[in-house]
Amino acid sequence: MDLSKLSSSELRDLQDQVRQELKQREHEEVAKAREQIFAIAQSVGIPLKDLLAIQPRVKAKVAMRFRHPSDASLQWSGRGRQPRWIKEWLAAGHALDALSA
């Protein structure tokens, strides 16, 4: 197809047709993949409810690297913004290493 011979409106129409066709094919591919997955699960005896169960993501706990010397409840992992007590500690001229947990 020689696109250089098409007008701007014909090109836009073609673009819309391509978008629609791509969307349709994507839906068909997803449906086909879903059928294949269900067939595999059924062939090995996995119940559908187990296959569809969504596993919750568990965030890994980050170890605390810094702890206030006089108040152990004040802790910081070293990630993200520095808490106010860390900023105050550093402003007072103390070293961050002195707070290592």
C-alpha atoms as a PDB file:
ATOM      1  CA  MET A   1       0.000   0.000   0.000  1.00  0.00           C
ATOM      2  CA  ASP A   2       1.453   3.338  -1.046  1.00  0.00           C
ATOM      3  CA  LEU A   3       0.539   5.746   1.752  1.00  0.00           C
ATOM      4  CA  SER A   4       1.948   8.747  -0.067  1.00  0.00           C
ATOM      5  CA  LYS A   5      -1.052   8.713  -2.434  1.00  0.00           C
ATOM      6  CA  LEU A   6      -3.614   8.943   0.362  1.00  0.00           C
ATOM      7  CA  SER A   7      -5.106  12.211   1.539  1.00  0.00           C
ATOM      8  CA  SER A   8      -4.856  13.333   5.158  1.00  0.00           C
ATOM      9  CA  SER A   9      -8.447  12.319   5.886  1.00  0.00           C
ATOM     10  CA  GLU A  10      -7.886   8.905   4.294  1.00  0.00           C
ATOM     11  CA  LEU A  11      -4.784   8.456   6.429  1.00  0.00           C
ATOM     12  CA  ARG A  12      -6.754   9.366   9.583  1.00  0.00           C
ATOM     13  CA  ASP A  13      -9.474   6.890   8.625  1.00  0.00           C
ATOM     14  CA  LEU A  14      -6.836   4.236   8.075  1.00  0.00           C
ATOM     15  CA  GLN A  15      -5.287   5.079  11.423  1.00  0.00           C
ATOM     16  CA  ASP A  16      -8.673   4.627  13.140  1.00  0.00           C
ATOM     17  CA  GLN A  17      -9.177   1.303  11.380  1.00  0.00           C
ATOM     18  CA  VAL A  18      -5.738   0.133  12.497  1.00  0.00           C
ATOM     19  CA  ARG A  19      -6.482   1.096  16.109  1.00  0.00           C
ATOM     20  CA  GLN A  20      -9.784  -0.771  16.044  1.00  0.00           C
ATOM     21  CA  GLU A  21      -8.207  -3.843  14.455  1.00  0.00           C
ATOM     22  CA  LEU A  22      -5.389  -3.875  16.999  1.00  0.00           C
ATOM     23  CA  LYS A  23      -7.871  -3.585  19.857  1.00  0.00           C
ATOM     24  CA  GLN A  24      -9.964  -6.442  18.435  1.00  0.00           C
ATOM     25  CA  ARG A  25      -6.927  -8.671  17.974  1.00  0.00           C
ATOM     26  CA  GLU A  26      -5.741  -7.945  21.500  1.00  0.00           C
ATOM     27  CA  HIS A  27      -9.122  -9.023  22.898  1.00  0.00           C
ATOM     28  CA  GLU A  28      -9.001 -12.204  20.806  1.00  0.00           C
ATOM     29  CA  GLU A  29      -5.456 -13.005  21.929  1.00  0.00           C
ATOM     30  CA  VAL A  30      -6.365 -12.489  25.585  1.00  0.00           C
ATOM     31  CA  ALA A  31      -9.424 -14.727  25.221  1.00  0.00           C
ATOM     32  CA  LYS A  32      -7.316 -17.410  23.511  1.00  0.00           C
ATOM     33  CA  ALA A  33      -4.638 -17.204  26.213  1.00  0.00           C
ATOM     34  CA  ARG A  34      -7.287 -17.447  28.933  1.00  0.00           C
ATOM     35  CA  GLU A  35      -8.742 -20.587  27.309  1.00  0.00           C
ATOM     36  CA  GLN A  36      -5.282 -22.153  27.085  1.00  0.00           C
ATOM     37  CA  ILE A  37      -4.536 -21.365  30.726  1.00  0.00           C
ATOM     38  CA  PHE A  38      -7.835 -22.850  31.877  1.00  0.00           C
ATOM     39  CA  ALA A  39      -7.233 -25.971  29.753  1.00  0.00           C
ATOM     40  CA  ILE A  40      -3.769 -26.445  31.276  1.00  0.00           C
ATOM     41  CA  ALA A  41      -5.118 -25.940  34.798  1.00  0.00           C
ATOM     42  CA  GLN A  42      -7.910 -28.425  34.173  1.00  0.00           C
ATOM     43  CA  SER A  43      -5.494 -30.995  32.721  1.00  0.00           C
ATOM     44  CA  VAL A  44      -3.354 -30.940  35.881  1.00  0.00           C
ATOM     45  CA  GLY A  45      -6.300 -30.784  38.259  1.00  0.00           C
ATOM     46  CA  ILE A  46      -5.972 -27.244  39.576  1.00  0.00           C
ATOM     47  CA  PRO A  47      -9.361 -25.856  40.637  1.00  0.00           C
ATOM     48  CA  LEU A  48     -10.440 -22.691  38.865  1.00  0.00           C
ATOM     49  CA  LYS A  49     -10.810 -20.792  42.156  1.00  0.00           C
ATOM     50  CA  ASP A  50      -7.166 -21.560  43.035  1.00  0.00           C
ATOM     51  CA  LEU A  51      -6.045 -20.442  39.607  1.00  0.00           C
ATOM     52  CA  LEU A  52      -7.869 -17.141  39.920  1.00  0.00           C
ATOM     53  CA  ALA A  53      -6.858 -16.456  43.520  1.00  0.00           C
ATOM     54  CA  ILE A  54      -4.904 -13.252  43.744  1.00  0.00           C
ATOM     55  CA  GLN A  55      -1.870 -13.418  45.961  1.00  0.00           C
ATOM     56  CA  PRO A  56      -1.415 -10.264  48.042  1.00  0.00           C
ATOM     57  CA  ARG A  57       1.929  -8.580  47.596  1.00  0.00           C
ATOM     58  CA  VAL A  58       3.914  -8.460  50.777  1.00  0.00           C
ATOM     59  CA  LYS A  59       6.378  -5.633  51.165  1.00  0.00           C
ATOM     60  CA  ALA A  60       9.691  -6.665  52.575  1.00  0.00           C
ATOM     61  CA  LYS A  61      10.540  -4.996  55.857  1.00  0.00           C
ATOM     62  CA  VAL A  62      13.599  -2.793  55.751  1.00  0.00           C
ATOM     63  CA  ALA A  63      15.974  -2.997  58.674  1.00  0.00           C
ATOM     64  CA  MET A  64      16.309   0.137  60.783  1.00  0.00           C
ATOM     65  CA  ARG A  65      19.767   1.610  60.391  1.00  0.00           C
ATOM     66  CA  PHE A  66      19.526   4.598  62.719  1.00  0.00           C
ATOM     67  CA  ARG A  67      18.081   4.903  66.212  1.00  0.00           C
ATOM     68  CA  HIS A  68      17.891   7.956  68.479  1.00  0.00           C
ATOM     69  CA  PRO A  69      20.254   7.497  71.439  1.00  0.00           C
ATOM     70  CA  SER A  70      17.790   8.587  74.107  1.00  0.00           C
ATOM     71  CA  ASP A  71      14.461   7.579  72.531  1.00  0.00           C
ATOM     72  CA  ALA A  72      14.550   4.105  70.938  1.00  0.00           C
ATOM     73  CA  SER A  73      11.112   4.635  69.402  1.00  0.00           C
ATOM     74  CA  LEU A  74      12.662   7.129  66.986  1.00  0.00           C
ATOM     75  CA  GLN A  75      14.099   5.049  64.160  1.00  0.00           C
ATOM     76  CA  TRP A  76      14.951   5.569  60.500  1.00  0.00           C
ATOM     77  CA  SER A  77      15.829   3.045  57.803  1.00  0.00           C
ATOM     78  CA  GLY A  78      18.009   5.493  55.898  1.00  0.00           C
ATOM     79  CA  ARG A  79      15.531   5.510  53.010  1.00  0.00           C
ATOM     80  CA  GLY A  80      13.360   8.403  51.993  1.00  0.00           C
ATOM     81  CA  ARG A  81      13.352  11.836  53.566  1.00  0.00           C
ATOM     82  CA  GLN A  82      15.244  12.336  56.759  1.00  0.00           C
ATOM     83  CA  PRO A  83      12.987  12.616  59.817  1.00  0.00           C
ATOM     84  CA  ARG A  84      13.066  15.868  61.778  1.00  0.00           C
ATOM     85  CA  TRP A  85      15.038  14.317  64.637  1.00  0.00           C
ATOM     86  CA  ILE A  86      17.790  13.246  62.205  1.00  0.00           C
ATOM     87  CA  LYS A  87      17.967  16.748  60.744  1.00  0.00           C
ATOM     88  CA  GLU A  88      18.143  18.239  64.238  1.00  0.00           C
ATOM     89  CA  TRP A  89      20.868  15.746  65.200  1.00  0.00           C
ATOM     90  CA  LEU A  90      22.965  16.659  62.162  1.00  0.00           C
ATOM     91  CA  ALA A  91      22.341  20.408  62.652  1.00  0.00           C
ATOM     92  CA  ALA A  92      23.696  20.081  66.180  1.00  0.00           C
ATOM     93  CA  GLY A  93      26.979  18.907  64.682  1.00  0.00           C
ATOM     94  CA  HIS A  94      26.665  15.220  65.505  1.00  0.00           C
ATOM     95  CA  ALA A  95      27.677  12.478  63.080  1.00  0.00           C
ATOM     96  CA  LEU A  96      25.067  10.251  61.499  1.00  0.00           C
ATOM     97  CA  ASP A  97      27.233   7.209  62.238  1.00  0.00           C
ATOM     98  CA  ALA A  98      26.689   7.788  65.954  1.00  0.00           C
ATOM     99  CA  LEU A  99      23.031   6.775  65.459  1.00  0.00           C
ATOM    100  CA  SER A 100      23.745   3.389  63.880  1.00  0.00           C
ATOM    101  CA  ALA A 101      21.360   0.786  65.210  1.00  0.00           C
END
